[in-house]
Amino acid sequence: MWREPGLSRLAAARQPRLCAGRPGDGARPWAAQGREEGLEGREEGRAEERSLLCRLAARKFDAGAAGRLADALAGVDDPARLAQVGEWIIECETAADLMARVLDTENAGN
């Protein structure tokens, strides 16, 4: 089997930097930074998902429905709930029906 020359040396050279983790050697700040960046990425992903749902509502219904949906989804971070709203956009015939489902679910969670 052919392997690119030096590939295993390159991988080995990177390994110690990724695995360093003795207390006091600076690995902990990197781990905390990684967790923080991961959380920021999730928040950005949820914001993009909410934005997509609002654009879909605007295309299917109107800009007013999209604005009302944006207000209702402003604090929603649950991926399952966002997915459910996406299904409702497809299933609902009217913006009023969509908003009734969204608001009923919102009120049930309070």
PDB file of N, CA and C in Angstrom:
ATOM      1  N   MET A   1       0.852  -1.176   0.000  1.00  0.00           N
ATOM      2  CA  MET A   1       0.000   0.000   0.000  1.00  0.00           C
ATOM      3  C   MET A   1       0.897   1.239   0.000  1.00  0.00           C
ATOM      4  N   TRP A   2       0.610   2.175  -0.872  1.00  0.00           N
ATOM      5  CA  TRP A   2       1.405   3.397  -0.989  1.00  0.00           C
ATOM      6  C   TRP A   2       0.955   4.419   0.034  1.00  0.00           C
ATOM      7  N   ARG A   3       1.933   5.062   0.665  1.00  0.00           N
ATOM      8  CA  ARG A   3       1.640   6.162   1.581  1.00  0.00           C
ATOM      9  C   ARG A   3       2.523   7.331   1.211  1.00  0.00           C
ATOM     10  N   GLU A   4       1.982   8.490   1.379  1.00  0.00           N
ATOM     11  CA  GLU A   4       2.747   9.694   1.102  1.00  0.00           C
ATOM     12  C   GLU A   4       3.911   9.773   2.077  1.00  0.00           C
ATOM     13  N   PRO A   5       5.134   9.987   1.565  1.00  0.00           N
ATOM     14  CA  PRO A   5       6.294  10.058   2.454  1.00  0.00           C
ATOM     15  C   PRO A   5       6.136  11.175   3.476  1.00  0.00           C
ATOM     16  N   GLY A   6       6.488  10.871   4.708  1.00  0.00           N
ATOM     17  CA  GLY A   6       6.458  11.877   5.757  1.00  0.00           C
ATOM     18  C   GLY A   6       5.101  12.062   6.414  1.00  0.00           C
ATOM     19  N   LEU A   7       4.070  11.416   5.916  1.00  0.00           N
ATOM     20  CA  LEU A   7       2.735  11.615   6.483  1.00  0.00           C
ATOM     21  C   LEU A   7       2.670  11.134   7.930  1.00  0.00           C
ATOM     22  N   SER A   8       3.242   9.957   8.200  1.00  0.00           N
ATOM     23  CA  SER A   8       3.181   9.459   9.571  1.00  0.00           C
ATOM     24  C   SER A   8       4.021  10.327  10.500  1.00  0.00           C
ATOM     25  N   ARG A   9       5.137  10.865  10.018  1.00  0.00           N
ATOM     26  CA  ARG A   9       5.930  11.770  10.844  1.00  0.00           C
ATOM     27  C   ARG A   9       5.159  13.047  11.140  1.00  0.00           C
ATOM     28  N   LEU A  10       4.417  13.541  10.166  1.00  0.00           N
ATOM     29  CA  LEU A  10       3.621  14.748  10.363  1.00  0.00           C
ATOM     30  C   LEU A  10       2.534  14.504  11.403  1.00  0.00           C
ATOM     31  N   ALA A  11       1.858  13.381  11.285  1.00  0.00           N
ATOM     32  CA  ALA A  11       0.811  13.054  12.250  1.00  0.00           C
ATOM     33  C   ALA A  11       1.400  12.889  13.643  1.00  0.00           C
ATOM     34  N   ALA A  12       2.546  12.245  13.737  1.00  0.00           N
ATOM     35  CA  ALA A  12       3.193  12.058  15.035  1.00  0.00           C
ATOM     36  C   ALA A  12       3.652  13.393  15.620  1.00  0.00           C
ATOM     37  N   ALA A  13       4.091  14.290  14.774  1.00  0.00           N
ATOM     38  CA  ALA A  13       4.543  15.596  15.250  1.00  0.00           C
ATOM     39  C   ALA A  13       3.396  16.401  15.831  1.00  0.00           C
ATOM     40  N   ARG A  14       2.220  16.234  15.294  1.00  0.00           N
ATOM     41  CA  ARG A  14       1.057  16.977  15.786  1.00  0.00           C
ATOM     42  C   ARG A  14       0.462  16.354  17.041  1.00  0.00           C
ATOM     43  N   GLN A  15       0.617  15.063  17.203  1.00  0.00           N
ATOM     44  CA  GLN A  15      -0.017  14.358  18.310  1.00  0.00           C
ATOM     45  C   GLN A  15       0.346  14.918  19.680  1.00  0.00           C
ATOM     46  N   PRO A  16       1.594  15.161  20.011  1.00  0.00           N
ATOM     47  CA  PRO A  16       1.896  15.638  21.361  1.00  0.00           C
ATOM     48  C   PRO A  16       1.218  16.960  21.703  1.00  0.00           C
ATOM     49  N   ARG A  17       1.097  17.843  20.733  1.00  0.00           N
ATOM     50  CA  ARG A  17       0.445  19.118  21.004  1.00  0.00           C
ATOM     51  C   ARG A  17      -1.030  18.937  21.311  1.00  0.00           C
ATOM     52  N   LEU A  18      -1.664  17.983  20.671  1.00  0.00           N
ATOM     53  CA  LEU A  18      -3.084  17.761  20.890  1.00  0.00           C
ATOM     54  C   LEU A  18      -3.349  17.053  22.210  1.00  0.00           C
ATOM     55  N   CYS A  19      -2.395  16.268  22.693  1.00  0.00           N
ATOM     56  CA  CYS A  19      -2.614  15.455  23.877  1.00  0.00           C
ATOM     57  C   CYS A  19      -2.016  16.049  25.146  1.00  0.00           C
ATOM     58  N   ALA A  20      -1.243  17.120  25.043  1.00  0.00           N
ATOM     59  CA  ALA A  20      -0.648  17.697  26.246  1.00  0.00           C
ATOM     60  C   ALA A  20      -1.753  18.110  27.185  1.00  0.00           C
ATOM     61  N   GLY A  21      -1.646  17.699  28.428  1.00  0.00           N
ATOM     62  CA  GLY A  21      -2.724  18.016  29.337  1.00  0.00           C
ATOM     63  C   GLY A  21      -2.353  17.930  30.799  1.00  0.00           C
ATOM     64  N   ARG A  22      -1.086  18.073  31.132  1.00  0.00           N
ATOM     65  CA  ARG A  22      -0.702  18.071  32.539  1.00  0.00           C
ATOM     66  C   ARG A  22      -1.123  19.383  33.165  1.00  0.00           C
ATOM     67  N   PRO A  23      -1.585  19.344  34.406  1.00  0.00           N
ATOM     68  CA  PRO A  23      -1.997  20.582  35.078  1.00  0.00           C
ATOM     69  C   PRO A  23      -0.886  21.617  35.051  1.00  0.00           C
ATOM     70  N   GLY A  24      -1.265  22.820  34.722  1.00  0.00           N
ATOM     71  CA  GLY A  24      -0.320  23.923  34.726  1.00  0.00           C
ATOM     72  C   GLY A  24       0.452  24.117  33.441  1.00  0.00           C
ATOM     73  N   ASP A  25       0.243  23.257  32.438  1.00  0.00           N
ATOM     74  CA  ASP A  25       1.022  23.415  31.211  1.00  0.00           C
ATOM     75  C   ASP A  25       0.289  24.201  30.135  1.00  0.00           C
ATOM     76  N   GLY A  26      -0.840  24.792  30.460  1.00  0.00           N
ATOM     77  CA  GLY A  26      -1.556  25.618  29.491  1.00  0.00           C
ATOM     78  C   GLY A  26      -2.623  24.884  28.710  1.00  0.00           C
ATOM     79  N   ALA A  27      -2.807  23.583  28.938  1.00  0.00           N
ATOM     80  CA  ALA A  27      -3.816  22.833  28.176  1.00  0.00           C
ATOM     81  C   ALA A  27      -5.229  23.206  28.603  1.00  0.00           C
ATOM     82  N   ARG A  28      -5.420  23.520  29.849  1.00  0.00           N
ATOM     83  CA  ARG A  28      -6.768  23.826  30.340  1.00  0.00           C
ATOM     84  C   ARG A  28      -7.370  25.069  29.671  1.00  0.00           C
ATOM     85  N   PRO A  29      -6.622  26.145  29.506  1.00  0.00           N
ATOM     86  CA  PRO A  29      -7.224  27.286  28.788  1.00  0.00           C
ATOM     87  C   PRO A  29      -7.643  26.925  27.361  1.00  0.00           C
ATOM     88  N   TRP A  30      -6.866  26.056  26.711  1.00  0.00           N
ATOM     89  CA  TRP A  30      -7.237  25.642  25.356  1.00  0.00           C
ATOM     90  C   TRP A  30      -8.533  24.850  25.377  1.00  0.00           C
ATOM     91  N   ALA A  31      -8.696  23.988  26.363  1.00  0.00           N
ATOM     92  CA  ALA A  31      -9.928  23.204  26.466  1.00  0.00           C
ATOM     93  C   ALA A  31     -11.120  24.114  26.724  1.00  0.00           C
ATOM     94  N   ALA A  32     -10.943  25.075  27.630  1.00  0.00           N
ATOM     95  CA  ALA A  32     -12.031  26.015  27.919  1.00  0.00           C
ATOM     96  C   ALA A  32     -12.375  26.835  26.688  1.00  0.00           C
ATOM     97  N   GLN A  33     -11.350  27.249  25.964  1.00  0.00           N
ATOM     98  CA  GLN A  33     -11.584  28.023  24.743  1.00  0.00           C
ATOM     99  C   GLN A  33     -12.330  27.173  23.715  1.00  0.00           C
ATOM    100  N   GLY A  34     -11.963  25.900  23.617  1.00  0.00           N
ATOM    101  CA  GLY A  34     -12.651  25.004  22.683  1.00  0.00           C
ATOM    102  C   GLY A  34     -14.114  24.833  23.033  1.00  0.00           C
ATOM    103  N   ARG A  35     -14.394  24.670  24.335  1.00  0.00           N
ATOM    104  CA  ARG A  35     -15.796  24.552  24.763  1.00  0.00           C
ATOM    105  C   ARG A  35     -16.562  25.834  24.467  1.00  0.00           C
ATOM    106  N   GLU A  36     -15.927  26.972  24.745  1.00  0.00           N
ATOM    107  CA  GLU A  36     -16.582  28.257  24.500  1.00  0.00           C
ATOM    108  C   GLU A  36     -16.875  28.455  23.016  1.00  0.00           C
ATOM    109  N   GLU A  37     -15.903  28.112  22.179  1.00  0.00           N
ATOM    110  CA  GLU A  37     -16.122  28.241  20.736  1.00  0.00           C
ATOM    111  C   GLU A  37     -17.206  27.285  20.261  1.00  0.00           C
ATOM    112  N   GLY A  38     -17.266  26.098  20.852  1.00  0.00           N
ATOM    113  CA  GLY A  38     -18.318  25.145  20.503  1.00  0.00           C
ATOM    114  C   GLY A  38     -19.694  25.674  20.856  1.00  0.00           C
ATOM    115  N   LEU A  39     -19.807  26.284  22.026  1.00  0.00           N
ATOM    116  CA  LEU A  39     -21.094  26.866  22.438  1.00  0.00           C
ATOM    117  C   LEU A  39     -21.483  28.021  21.538  1.00  0.00           C
ATOM    118  N   GLU A  40     -20.503  28.852  21.183  1.00  0.00           N
ATOM    119  CA  GLU A  40     -20.787  29.971  20.279  1.00  0.00           C
ATOM    120  C   GLU A  40     -21.249  29.447  18.925  1.00  0.00           C
ATOM    121  N   GLY A  41     -20.617  28.377  18.459  1.00  0.00           N
ATOM    122  CA  GLY A  41     -21.012  27.780  17.180  1.00  0.00           C
ATOM    123  C   GLY A  41     -22.428  27.240  17.220  1.00  0.00           C
ATOM    124  N   ARG A  42     -22.791  26.633  18.334  1.00  0.00           N
ATOM    125  CA  ARG A  42     -24.164  26.129  18.477  1.00  0.00           C
ATOM    126  C   ARG A  42     -25.157  27.274  18.469  1.00  0.00           C
ATOM    127  N   GLU A  43     -24.844  28.354  19.195  1.00  0.00           N
ATOM    128  CA  GLU A  43     -25.738  29.509  19.227  1.00  0.00           C
ATOM    129  C   GLU A  43     -25.906  30.096  17.833  1.00  0.00           C
ATOM    130  N   GLU A  44     -24.803  30.204  17.089  1.00  0.00           N
ATOM    131  CA  GLU A  44     -24.885  30.725  15.719  1.00  0.00           C
ATOM    132  C   GLU A  44     -25.714  29.803  14.839  1.00  0.00           C
ATOM    133  N   GLY A  45     -25.540  28.503  15.021  1.00  0.00           N
ATOM    134  CA  GLY A  45     -26.316  27.531  14.241  1.00  0.00           C
ATOM    135  C   GLY A  45     -27.801  27.642  14.519  1.00  0.00           C
ATOM    136  N   ARG A  46     -28.159  27.799  15.782  1.00  0.00           N
ATOM    137  CA  ARG A  46     -29.580  27.942  16.131  1.00  0.00           C
ATOM    138  C   ARG A  46     -30.144  29.238  15.558  1.00  0.00           C
ATOM    139  N   ALA A  47     -29.359  30.307  15.616  1.00  0.00           N
ATOM    140  CA  ALA A  47     -29.816  31.590  15.059  1.00  0.00           C
ATOM    141  C   ALA A  47     -30.038  31.457  13.553  1.00  0.00           C
ATOM    142  N   GLU A  48     -29.146  30.755  12.870  1.00  0.00           N
ATOM    143  CA  GLU A  48     -29.308  30.546  11.427  1.00  0.00           C
ATOM    144  C   GLU A  48     -30.539  29.694  11.138  1.00  0.00           C
ATOM    145  N   GLU A  49     -30.787  28.709  11.994  1.00  0.00           N
ATOM    146  CA  GLU A  49     -31.966  27.864  11.807  1.00  0.00           C
ATOM    147  C   GLU A  49     -33.250  28.664  11.996  1.00  0.00           C
ATOM    148  N   ARG A  50     -33.283  29.502  13.035  1.00  0.00           N
ATOM    149  CA  ARG A  50     -34.463  30.359  13.243  1.00  0.00           C
ATOM    150  C   ARG A  50     -34.660  31.300  12.054  1.00  0.00           C
ATOM    151  N   SER A  51     -33.567  31.849  11.547  1.00  0.00           N
ATOM    152  CA  SER A  51     -33.643  32.746  10.390  1.00  0.00           C
ATOM    153  C   SER A  51     -34.196  32.015   9.162  1.00  0.00           C
ATOM    154  N   LEU A  52     -33.738  30.800   8.944  1.00  0.00           N
ATOM    155  CA  LEU A  52     -34.233  30.007   7.819  1.00  0.00           C
ATOM    156  C   LEU A  52     -35.732  29.749   7.953  1.00  0.00           C
ATOM    157  N   LEU A  53     -36.178  29.392   9.149  1.00  0.00           N
ATOM    158  CA  LEU A  53     -37.605  29.148   9.364  1.00  0.00           C
ATOM    159  C   LEU A  53     -38.428  30.396   9.060  1.00  0.00           C
ATOM    160  N   CYS A  54     -37.920  31.546   9.457  1.00  0.00           N
ATOM    161  CA  CYS A  54     -38.641  32.795   9.190  1.00  0.00           C
ATOM    162  C   CYS A  54     -38.676  33.107   7.698  1.00  0.00           C
ATOM    163  N   ARG A  55     -37.589  32.840   6.996  1.00  0.00           N
ATOM    164  CA  ARG A  55     -37.581  33.056   5.539  1.00  0.00           C
ATOM    165  C   ARG A  55     -38.581  32.127   4.852  1.00  0.00           C
ATOM    166  N   LEU A  56     -38.650  30.886   5.316  1.00  0.00           N
ATOM    167  CA  LEU A  56     -39.626  29.948   4.744  1.00  0.00           C
ATOM    168  C   LEU A  56     -41.054  30.423   4.995  1.00  0.00           C
ATOM    169  N   ALA A  57     -41.304  30.904   6.209  1.00  0.00           N
ATOM    170  CA  ALA A  57     -42.648  31.418   6.531  1.00  0.00           C
ATOM    171  C   ALA A  57     -42.975  32.632   5.661  1.00  0.00           C
ATOM    172  N   ALA A  58     -42.004  33.487   5.420  1.00  0.00           N
ATOM    173  CA  ALA A  58     -42.230  34.665   4.570  1.00  0.00           C
ATOM    174  C   ALA A  58     -42.556  34.242   3.136  1.00  0.00           C
ATOM    175  N   ARG A  59     -41.857  33.229   2.637  1.00  0.00           N
ATOM    176  CA  ARG A  59     -42.117  32.766   1.267  1.00  0.00           C
ATOM    177  C   ARG A  59     -43.472  32.100   1.140  1.00  0.00           C
ATOM    178  N   LYS A  60     -43.843  31.316   2.148  1.00  0.00           N
ATOM    179  CA  LYS A  60     -45.114  30.598   2.054  1.00  0.00           C
ATOM    180  C   LYS A  60     -46.298  31.482   2.399  1.00  0.00           C
ATOM    181  N   PHE A  61     -46.129  32.335   3.401  1.00  0.00           N
ATOM    182  CA  PHE A  61     -47.246  33.151   3.870  1.00  0.00           C
ATOM    183  C   PHE A  61     -47.006  34.621   3.527  1.00  0.00           C
ATOM    184  N   ASP A  62     -46.366  35.355   4.409  1.00  0.00           N
ATOM    185  CA  ASP A  62     -46.048  36.759   4.138  1.00  0.00           C
ATOM    186  C   ASP A  62     -45.027  37.251   5.158  1.00  0.00           C
ATOM    187  N   ALA A  63     -44.556  38.471   4.975  1.00  0.00           N
ATOM    188  CA  ALA A  63     -43.537  39.035   5.860  1.00  0.00           C
ATOM    189  C   ALA A  63     -44.064  39.206   7.283  1.00  0.00           C
ATOM    190  N   GLY A  64     -45.350  39.504   7.410  1.00  0.00           N
ATOM    191  CA  GLY A  64     -45.935  39.649   8.743  1.00  0.00           C
ATOM    192  C   GLY A  64     -45.861  38.347   9.531  1.00  0.00           C
ATOM    193  N   ALA A  65     -46.155  37.232   8.856  1.00  0.00           N
ATOM    194  CA  ALA A  65     -46.072  35.928   9.515  1.00  0.00           C
ATOM    195  C   ALA A  65     -44.634  35.634   9.927  1.00  0.00           C
ATOM    196  N   ALA A  66     -43.701  36.002   9.070  1.00  0.00           N
ATOM    197  CA  ALA A  66     -42.290  35.785   9.391  1.00  0.00           C
ATOM    198  C   ALA A  66     -41.874  36.598  10.609  1.00  0.00           C
ATOM    199  N   GLY A  67     -42.335  37.819  10.701  1.00  0.00           N
ATOM    200  CA  GLY A  67     -42.017  38.660  11.858  1.00  0.00           C
ATOM    201  C   GLY A  67     -42.599  38.116  13.145  1.00  0.00           C
ATOM    202  N   ARG A  68     -43.843  37.650  13.079  1.00  0.00           N
ATOM    203  CA  ARG A  68     -44.471  37.066  14.269  1.00  0.00           C
ATOM    204  C   ARG A  68     -43.760  35.781  14.674  1.00  0.00           C
ATOM    205  N   LEU A  69     -43.356  34.997  13.678  1.00  0.00           N
ATOM    206  CA  LEU A  69     -42.633  33.762  13.962  1.00  0.00           C
ATOM    207  C   LEU A  69     -41.267  34.070  14.589  1.00  0.00           C
ATOM    208  N   ALA A  70     -40.589  35.087  14.076  1.00  0.00           N
ATOM    209  CA  ALA A  70     -39.294  35.473  14.640  1.00  0.00           C
ATOM    210  C   ALA A  70     -39.430  35.847  16.107  1.00  0.00           C
ATOM    211  N   ASP A  71     -40.472  36.597  16.431  1.00  0.00           N
ATOM    212  CA  ASP A  71     -40.711  36.975  17.831  1.00  0.00           C
ATOM    213  C   ASP A  71     -40.962  35.735  18.696  1.00  0.00           C
ATOM    214  N   ALA A  72     -41.749  34.809  18.184  1.00  0.00           N
ATOM    215  CA  ALA A  72     -42.098  33.613  18.955  1.00  0.00           C
ATOM    216  C   ALA A  72     -40.894  32.685  19.140  1.00  0.00           C
ATOM    217  N   LEU A  73     -39.973  32.673  18.179  1.00  0.00           N
ATOM    218  CA  LEU A  73     -38.828  31.762  18.247  1.00  0.00           C
ATOM    219  C   LEU A  73     -37.576  32.404  18.830  1.00  0.00           C
ATOM    220  N   ALA A  74     -37.663  33.652  19.238  1.00  0.00           N
ATOM    221  CA  ALA A  74     -36.474  34.393  19.679  1.00  0.00           C
ATOM    222  C   ALA A  74     -35.664  33.672  20.744  1.00  0.00           C
ATOM    223  N   GLY A  75     -36.286  33.042  21.689  1.00  0.00           N
ATOM    224  CA  GLY A  75     -35.541  32.386  22.758  1.00  0.00           C
ATOM    225  C   GLY A  75     -35.468  30.880  22.635  1.00  0.00           C
ATOM    226  N   VAL A  76     -35.895  30.330  21.502  1.00  0.00           N
ATOM    227  CA  VAL A  76     -35.951  28.880  21.340  1.00  0.00           C
ATOM    228  C   VAL A  76     -34.595  28.355  20.881  1.00  0.00           C
ATOM    229  N   ASP A  77     -34.042  27.423  21.662  1.00  0.00           N
ATOM    230  CA  ASP A  77     -32.765  26.809  21.311  1.00  0.00           C
ATOM    231  C   ASP A  77     -32.874  25.297  21.137  1.00  0.00           C
ATOM    232  N   ASP A  78     -34.048  24.748  21.383  1.00  0.00           N
ATOM    233  CA  ASP A  78     -34.238  23.305  21.290  1.00  0.00           C
ATOM    234  C   ASP A  78     -34.326  22.886  19.816  1.00  0.00           C
ATOM    235  N   PRO A  79     -33.369  22.080  19.346  1.00  0.00           N
ATOM    236  CA  PRO A  79     -33.372  21.680  17.935  1.00  0.00           C
ATOM    237  C   PRO A  79     -34.628  20.910  17.532  1.00  0.00           C
ATOM    238  N   ALA A  80     -35.167  20.106  18.442  1.00  0.00           N
ATOM    239  CA  ALA A  80     -36.377  19.347  18.122  1.00  0.00           C
ATOM    240  C   ALA A  80     -37.565  20.280  17.920  1.00  0.00           C
ATOM    241  N   ARG A  81     -37.645  21.306  18.738  1.00  0.00           N
ATOM    242  CA  ARG A  81     -38.750  22.264  18.599  1.00  0.00           C
ATOM    243  C   ARG A  81     -38.614  23.043  17.290  1.00  0.00           C
ATOM    244  N   LEU A  82     -37.402  23.451  16.949  1.00  0.00           N
ATOM    245  CA  LEU A  82     -37.190  24.170  15.687  1.00  0.00           C
ATOM    246  C   LEU A  82     -37.534  23.277  14.498  1.00  0.00           C
ATOM    247  N   ALA A  83     -37.177  22.015  14.578  1.00  0.00           N
ATOM    248  CA  ALA A  83     -37.513  21.075  13.498  1.00  0.00           C
ATOM    249  C   ALA A  83     -39.023  20.922  13.372  1.00  0.00           C
ATOM    250  N   GLN A  84     -39.700  20.890  14.506  1.00  0.00           N
ATOM    251  CA  GLN A  84     -41.160  20.774  14.492  1.00  0.00           C
ATOM    252  C   GLN A  84     -41.793  21.982  13.807  1.00  0.00           C
ATOM    253  N   VAL A  85     -41.272  23.157  14.083  1.00  0.00           N
ATOM    254  CA  VAL A  85     -41.791  24.373  13.438  1.00  0.00           C
ATOM    255  C   VAL A  85     -41.591  24.283  11.928  1.00  0.00           C
ATOM    256  N   GLY A  86     -40.457  23.763  11.503  1.00  0.00           N
ATOM    257  CA  GLY A  86     -40.224  23.582  10.066  1.00  0.00           C
ATOM    258  C   GLY A  86     -41.263  22.673   9.432  1.00  0.00           C
ATOM    259  N   GLU A  87     -41.608  21.604  10.118  1.00  0.00           N
ATOM    260  CA  GLU A  87     -42.645  20.701   9.609  1.00  0.00           C
ATOM    261  C   GLU A  87     -43.997  21.403   9.559  1.00  0.00           C
ATOM    262  N   TRP A  88     -44.271  22.216  10.574  1.00  0.00           N
ATOM    263  CA  TRP A  88     -45.548  22.936  10.586  1.00  0.00           C
ATOM    264  C   TRP A  88     -45.643  23.941   9.445  1.00  0.00           C
ATOM    265  N   ILE A  89     -44.539  24.564   9.100  1.00  0.00           N
ATOM    266  CA  ILE A  89     -44.564  25.510   7.968  1.00  0.00           C
ATOM    267  C   ILE A  89     -45.016  24.782   6.715  1.00  0.00           C
ATOM    268  N   ILE A  90     -44.554  23.563   6.542  1.00  0.00           N
ATOM    269  CA  ILE A  90     -44.953  22.775   5.369  1.00  0.00           C
ATOM    270  C   ILE A  90     -46.416  22.341   5.473  1.00  0.00           C
ATOM    271  N   GLU A  91     -46.831  21.907   6.656  1.00  0.00           N
ATOM    272  CA  GLU A  91     -48.169  21.335   6.831  1.00  0.00           C
ATOM    273  C   GLU A  91     -49.288  22.367   6.883  1.00  0.00           C
ATOM    274  N   CYS A  92     -49.033  23.513   7.467  1.00  0.00           N
ATOM    275  CA  CYS A  92     -50.102  24.495   7.698  1.00  0.00           C
ATOM    276  C   CYS A  92     -50.518  25.180   6.397  1.00  0.00           C
ATOM    277  N   GLU A  93     -51.805  25.392   6.287  1.00  0.00           N
ATOM    278  CA  GLU A  93     -52.349  26.068   5.117  1.00  0.00           C
ATOM    279  C   GLU A  93     -52.328  27.589   5.266  1.00  0.00           C
ATOM    280  N   THR A  94     -52.389  28.057   6.506  1.00  0.00           N
ATOM    281  CA  THR A  94     -52.428  29.506   6.740  1.00  0.00           C
ATOM    282  C   THR A  94     -51.414  29.896   7.811  1.00  0.00           C
ATOM    283  N   ALA A  95     -51.037  31.166   7.781  1.00  0.00           N
ATOM    284  CA  ALA A  95     -50.129  31.693   8.802  1.00  0.00           C
ATOM    285  C   ALA A  95     -50.783  31.634  10.178  1.00  0.00           C
ATOM    286  N   ALA A  96     -52.098  31.833  10.219  1.00  0.00           N
ATOM    287  CA  ALA A  96     -52.807  31.781  11.500  1.00  0.00           C
ATOM    288  C   ALA A  96     -52.710  30.383  12.117  1.00  0.00           C
ATOM    289  N   ASP A  97     -52.826  29.354  11.295  1.00  0.00           N
ATOM    290  CA  ASP A  97     -52.710  27.979  11.775  1.00  0.00           C
ATOM    291  C   ASP A  97     -51.293  27.727  12.298  1.00  0.00           C
ATOM    292  N   LEU A  98     -50.301  28.185  11.559  1.00  0.00           N
ATOM    293  CA  LEU A  98     -48.909  28.032  11.989  1.00  0.00           C
ATOM    294  C   LEU A  98     -48.679  28.697  13.333  1.00  0.00           C
ATOM    295  N   MET A  99     -49.103  29.946  13.449  1.00  0.00           N
ATOM    296  CA  MET A  99     -48.865  30.686  14.691  1.00  0.00           C
ATOM    297  C   MET A  99     -49.638  30.085  15.860  1.00  0.00           C
ATOM    298  N   ALA A 100     -50.820  29.552  15.591  1.00  0.00           N
ATOM    299  CA  ALA A 100     -51.580  28.900  16.662  1.00  0.00           C
ATOM    300  C   ALA A 100     -50.801  27.707  17.205  1.00  0.00           C
ATOM    301  N   ARG A 101     -50.222  26.912  16.317  1.00  0.00           N
ATOM    302  CA  ARG A 101     -49.435  25.762  16.768  1.00  0.00           C
ATOM    303  C   ARG A 101     -48.188  26.210  17.533  1.00  0.00           C
ATOM    304  N   VAL A 102     -47.496  27.201  17.000  1.00  0.00           N
ATOM    305  CA  VAL A 102     -46.273  27.682  17.649  1.00  0.00           C
ATOM    306  C   VAL A 102     -46.594  28.246  19.023  1.00  0.00           C
ATOM    307  N   LEU A 103     -47.621  29.073  19.107  1.00  0.00           N
ATOM    308  CA  LEU A 103     -47.964  29.699  20.380  1.00  0.00           C
ATOM    309  C   LEU A 103     -48.538  28.687  21.377  1.00  0.00           C
ATOM    310  N   ASP A 104     -49.291  27.694  20.891  1.00  0.00           N
ATOM    311  CA  ASP A 104     -49.806  26.654  21.787  1.00  0.00           C
ATOM    312  C   ASP A 104     -48.651  25.880  22.405  1.00  0.00           C
ATOM    313  N   THR A 105     -47.659  25.568  21.622  1.00  0.00           N
ATOM    314  CA  THR A 105     -46.491  24.852  22.120  1.00  0.00           C
ATOM    315  C   THR A 105     -45.701  25.706  23.087  1.00  0.00           C
ATOM    316  N   GLU A 106     -45.593  26.993  22.753  1.00  0.00           N
ATOM    317  CA  GLU A 106     -44.873  27.930  23.628  1.00  0.00           C
ATOM    318  C   GLU A 106     -45.565  28.048  24.977  1.00  0.00           C
ATOM    319  N   ASN A 107     -46.886  28.166  24.947  1.00  0.00           N
ATOM    320  CA  ASN A 107     -47.648  28.306  26.199  1.00  0.00           C
ATOM    321  C   ASN A 107     -47.636  27.009  27.003  1.00  0.00           C
ATOM    322  N   ALA A 108     -47.600  25.877  26.332  1.00  0.00           N
ATOM    323  CA  ALA A 108     -47.562  24.599  27.031  1.00  0.00           C
ATOM    324  C   ALA A 108     -46.231  24.425  27.765  1.00  0.00           C
ATOM    325  N   GLY A 109     -45.165  25.037  27.257  1.00  0.00           N
ATOM    326  CA  GLY A 109     -43.849  24.939  27.881  1.00  0.00           C
ATOM    327  C   GLY A 109     -43.671  25.860  29.060  1.00  0.00           C
ATOM    328  N   ASN A 110     -44.561  26.827  29.263  1.00  0.00           N
ATOM    329  CA  ASN A 110     -44.437  27.778  30.390  1.00  0.00           C
ATOM    330  C   ASN A 110     -45.140  27.286  31.607  1.00  0.00           C
TER     331      ASN A 110
END
